[in-house]
Protein backbone atom coordinates (compact mmCIF):
# COMPACT_ATOMS: atom_id res chain seq x y z
CA MET A 1 0.00 0.00 0.00
CA ASP A 2 1.25 3.48 -0.85
CA THR A 3 1.06 5.06 2.57
CA HIS A 4 1.71 8.52 1.12
CA GLY A 5 -1.79 8.51 -0.38
CA GLU A 6 -1.52 9.83 -3.92
CA PRO A 7 -4.69 11.55 -5.17
CA MET A 8 -7.10 9.26 -6.97
CA PRO A 9 -5.93 8.92 -10.61
CA ALA A 10 -8.14 10.23 -13.40
CA PRO A 11 -9.30 6.74 -14.55
CA GLU A 12 -10.47 5.98 -11.00
CA LEU A 13 -12.36 9.26 -10.79
CA GLU A 14 -13.93 8.63 -14.20
CA ARG A 15 -14.93 5.13 -13.12
CA LEU A 16 -16.53 6.48 -9.97
CA GLY A 17 -18.36 9.20 -11.88
CA THR A 18 -19.66 6.73 -14.44
CA ARG A 19 -20.79 4.35 -11.71
CA LEU A 20 -22.61 7.11 -9.83
CA ARG A 21 -24.39 8.30 -12.97
CA SER A 22 -25.40 4.72 -13.78
CA LEU A 23 -26.76 4.09 -10.29
CA ARG A 24 -28.64 7.37 -10.24
CA ALA A 25 -30.14 6.69 -13.67
CA ALA A 26 -31.21 3.20 -12.55
CA LYS A 27 -33.06 4.80 -9.62
CA GLY A 28 -34.58 7.44 -11.87
CA TRP A 29 -33.27 10.22 -9.60
CA THR A 30 -32.25 13.73 -10.55
CA LEU A 31 -29.18 15.30 -8.99
CA GLU A 32 -31.52 17.31 -6.78
CA GLU A 33 -33.18 14.12 -5.53
CA LEU A 34 -29.83 12.46 -4.85
CA ALA A 35 -28.68 15.58 -2.98
CA GLU A 36 -31.80 15.47 -0.83
CA ARG A 37 -31.40 11.77 -0.06
CA SER A 38 -27.67 11.93 0.67
CA GLY A 39 -27.33 15.32 2.32
CA LEU A 40 -24.54 16.15 -0.16
CA SER A 41 -24.80 19.30 -2.25
CA LYS A 42 -25.87 19.21 -5.90
CA PRO A 43 -22.66 20.98 -7.09
CA PHE A 44 -20.52 18.48 -5.16
CA LEU A 45 -22.41 15.51 -6.69
CA SER A 46 -22.19 17.04 -10.16
CA ARG A 47 -18.42 17.39 -9.82
CA LEU A 48 -18.14 13.78 -8.62
CA GLU A 49 -20.07 12.53 -11.63
CA SER A 50 -17.87 14.67 -13.89
CA ALA A 51 -14.70 13.21 -12.32
CA ASP A 52 -13.75 16.70 -11.15
CA ARG A 53 -13.71 16.17 -7.37
CA GLN A 54 -11.86 13.90 -4.94
CA PRO A 55 -14.42 12.25 -2.61
CA SER A 56 -13.99 11.82 1.13
CA ILE A 57 -14.53 8.47 2.84
CA ALA A 58 -17.68 9.88 4.45
CA ALA A 59 -19.09 10.93 1.07
CA VAL A 60 -18.36 7.53 -0.49
CA LEU A 61 -19.92 5.68 2.46
CA THR A 62 -22.99 7.92 2.31
CA LEU A 63 -23.48 7.35 -1.41
CA ALA A 64 -22.96 3.60 -1.02
CA ARG A 65 -25.66 3.54 1.67
CA VAL A 66 -28.08 5.65 -0.40
CA PHE A 67 -27.66 3.39 -3.44
CA GLY A 68 -27.63 0.21 -1.37
CA VAL A 69 -24.27 -1.03 -2.68
CA PRO A 70 -20.90 -1.79 -0.99
CA MET A 71 -18.41 1.05 -0.96
CA GLY A 72 -15.77 -0.85 -2.95
CA SER A 73 -18.21 -1.54 -5.79
CA LEU A 74 -18.34 2.17 -6.62
CA PHE A 75 -14.79 1.88 -7.98
CA GLU A 76 -15.03 -1.55 -9.62
CA VAL A 77 -16.03 -2.27 -13.19
CA THR A 78 -17.55 -5.62 -12.24
CA GLN A 79 -18.63 -7.16 -8.98
CA GLU A 80 -17.81 -10.65 -7.85
CA ASP A 81 -20.90 -12.24 -6.31
CA ASP A 82 -19.71 -15.32 -4.46
CA SER A 83 -19.91 -16.72 -0.95
CA CYS A 84 -16.27 -15.75 -0.38
CA LEU A 85 -14.52 -12.77 -1.92
CA VAL A 86 -10.71 -12.72 -1.83
CA VAL A 87 -8.97 -9.40 -2.44
CA ARG A 88 -5.38 -9.92 -3.60
CA MET A 89 -2.59 -7.41 -3.02
CA GLY A 90 -2.43 -5.00 -5.93
CA GLU A 91 -5.92 -5.78 -7.23
CA VAL A 92 -7.51 -2.58 -5.92
CA ALA A 93 -6.32 1.01 -6.09
CA VAL A 94 -5.62 3.40 -3.24
CA HIS A 95 -8.01 6.35 -3.15
CA GLU A 96 -7.43 9.70 -1.47
CA GLY A 97 -9.72 12.38 -0.13
CA ASN A 98 -9.51 15.04 2.58
CA GLY A 99 -6.10 13.95 3.83
CA ILE A 100 -6.96 10.25 4.13
CA SER A 101 -5.84 7.58 1.66
CA TYR A 102 -7.91 4.41 1.75
CA LEU A 103 -7.84 1.00 0.15
CA PRO A 104 -11.24 -0.78 -0.09
CA LEU A 105 -10.81 -4.40 1.01
CA SER A 106 -14.11 -5.75 -0.29
CA SER A 107 -16.68 -5.02 -2.98
CA ALA A 108 -19.00 -7.98 -2.39
CA SER A 109 -22.61 -6.85 -2.81
CA ARG A 110 -24.08 -9.50 -0.52
CA PHE A 111 -22.20 -8.35 2.60
CA ASN A 112 -23.00 -5.35 4.77
CA LEU A 113 -19.55 -4.80 6.30
CA GLN A 114 -17.33 -2.38 4.38
CA PRO A 115 -13.66 -2.87 5.40
CA MET A 116 -10.79 -0.66 4.32
CA ARG A 117 -7.19 0.09 5.16
CA ALA A 118 -6.72 3.81 5.72
CA THR A 119 -3.75 6.10 6.25
CA ILE A 120 -4.30 9.50 7.87
CA SER A 121 -1.81 12.16 6.83
CA PRO A 122 -0.31 14.43 9.50
CA GLN A 123 -0.86 17.27 7.00
CA ARG A 124 -4.61 16.70 6.93
CA GLN A 125 -6.27 20.10 6.89
CA GLY A 126 -9.51 21.46 8.31
CA SER A 127 -11.56 20.37 11.28
CA GLU A 128 -14.73 19.14 9.58
CA ARG A 129 -16.50 16.22 11.22
CA TYR A 130 -18.55 13.70 9.28
CA GLN A 131 -21.52 11.55 10.10
CA HIS A 132 -23.51 8.84 8.33
CA ASP A 133 -25.89 6.05 9.25
CA GLY A 134 -24.44 2.92 10.82
CA GLU A 135 -21.42 2.18 12.97
CA GLU A 136 -17.64 1.98 12.58
CA TRP A 137 -14.88 -0.12 14.12
CA LEU A 138 -11.20 0.63 13.72
CA TYR A 139 -7.87 -0.89 14.75
CA VAL A 140 -4.68 1.17 14.81
CA LEU A 141 -1.83 -0.54 12.93
CA SER A 142 0.79 2.17 13.36
CA GLY A 143 1.22 5.72 14.56
CA ARG A 144 -0.96 7.62 17.03
CA LEU A 145 -4.49 8.74 16.26
CA ALA A 146 -6.87 11.33 17.68
CA LEU A 147 -10.42 10.02 17.27
CA HIS A 148 -13.10 12.66 17.73
CA VAL A 149 -16.63 11.36 18.37
CA GLY A 150 -19.28 13.88 19.33
CA ASP A 151 -17.69 16.27 21.82
CA ARG A 152 -15.10 13.73 23.03
CA GLU A 153 -11.54 13.00 21.91
CA PHE A 154 -9.83 9.61 22.26
CA GLN A 155 -6.08 9.24 21.75
CA LEU A 156 -5.21 5.84 20.30
CA GLN A 157 -1.92 4.12 19.55
CA ALA A 158 -0.87 0.96 17.71
CA GLY A 159 -2.82 -2.02 19.04
CA ASP A 160 -5.80 0.07 20.23
CA ALA A 161 -9.29 -0.37 18.79
CA ALA A 162 -12.46 1.72 18.89
CA HIS A 163 -16.11 1.04 18.06
CA PHE A 164 -18.57 3.91 17.69
CA ASP A 165 -21.92 5.09 16.34
CA SER A 166 -21.08 6.82 13.05
CA ARG A 167 -24.26 8.88 13.24
CA GLN A 168 -22.29 10.96 15.73
CA PRO A 169 -20.05 13.64 14.15
CA HIS A 170 -16.58 12.10 13.97
CA ARG A 171 -13.11 12.71 12.62
CA LEU A 172 -9.67 11.05 12.49
CA ASP A 173 -6.42 13.01 12.91
CA ALA A 174 -2.84 11.75 12.98
CA MET A 175 -0.71 12.82 15.95
CA ASP A 176 2.98 13.61 16.54
CA GLY A 177 3.53 14.76 12.95
CA ARG A 178 3.46 11.14 11.69
CA GLU A 179 1.05 9.13 9.58
CA ALA A 180 -1.40 6.86 11.36
CA GLU A 181 -2.54 3.66 9.67
CA VAL A 182 -5.74 1.84 10.60
CA ILE A 183 -8.02 -0.98 9.58
CA LEU A 184 -11.50 0.52 9.48
CA VAL A 185 -14.76 -1.41 9.12
CA ALA A 186 -17.93 0.55 8.41
CA SER A 187 -21.32 -1.10 8.78
CA PRO A 188 -24.17 0.96 7.33
CA ILE A 189 -27.65 0.21 8.62
CA PRO A 190 -29.12 -2.36 6.19
CA THR A 191 -32.21 -1.22 4.31
CA THR A 192 -34.18 -4.12 5.79
CA LEU A 193 -33.23 -3.01 9.30
CA ILE A 194 -34.23 0.57 8.55
CA SER A 195 -37.56 -0.69 7.22
CA ARG A 196 -38.12 -2.80 10.33
CA ARG A 197 -37.18 0.13 12.57
CA GLU A 198 -39.60 2.46 10.76
CA ALA A 199 -42.33 -0.18 10.93
CA GLY A 200 -41.70 -0.58 14.65
CA GLN A 201 -41.86 3.17 15.16
CA ARG A 202 -45.16 3.35 13.29
CA MET A 203 -46.53 0.48 15.35
CA THR A 204 -45.43 2.17 18.58
CA ALA A 205 -46.96 5.44 17.46
CA GLY A 206 -50.19 3.61 16.68
CA LEU A 207 -50.25 1.98 20.09
CA LEU A 208 -49.61 5.29 21.85
CA GLY A 209 -51.90 7.36 19.64
């Protein structure tokens, strides 16, 4: 893995843009509708589809959840649909956005977990925090990491792990002027679970009404 996190090459951006346009067309959504469903701005989405913008991990996870596909599949030409997906070294490209380079470690459409290997640059700029449906688990491979969740900060080092609700505003920052490398597993809320939750809420409201 290139731990220096080169920006996503043009072919990768074009592949992502083409995939997003295809998924949006299949849903019959306009850019305005996708913006409303994802919480991402129409200009940002337009630039993604035009291969003119580097996406953040949070944006990619959000779009994967909205379209109901695994994160890695947004960058793949074809998807392998088998009971066991093996990702070989060198088979997938490193992507970069907002000071984090990440390597998707699965693109299997039948699984809900979305694992990746991520490297956080010590030169990461800004202080924006991101949030999306689901939960995240991470394990620090090297370096020291400041994990911000809600209004709390957790300082992690190699060998530490953290598990948190990704609906809370969160952010990763490298410490000590060195890169931090992590294994991160995101688990969006499955559509079936959301449907069950909404059904349960309607039932509860009916019982209390």
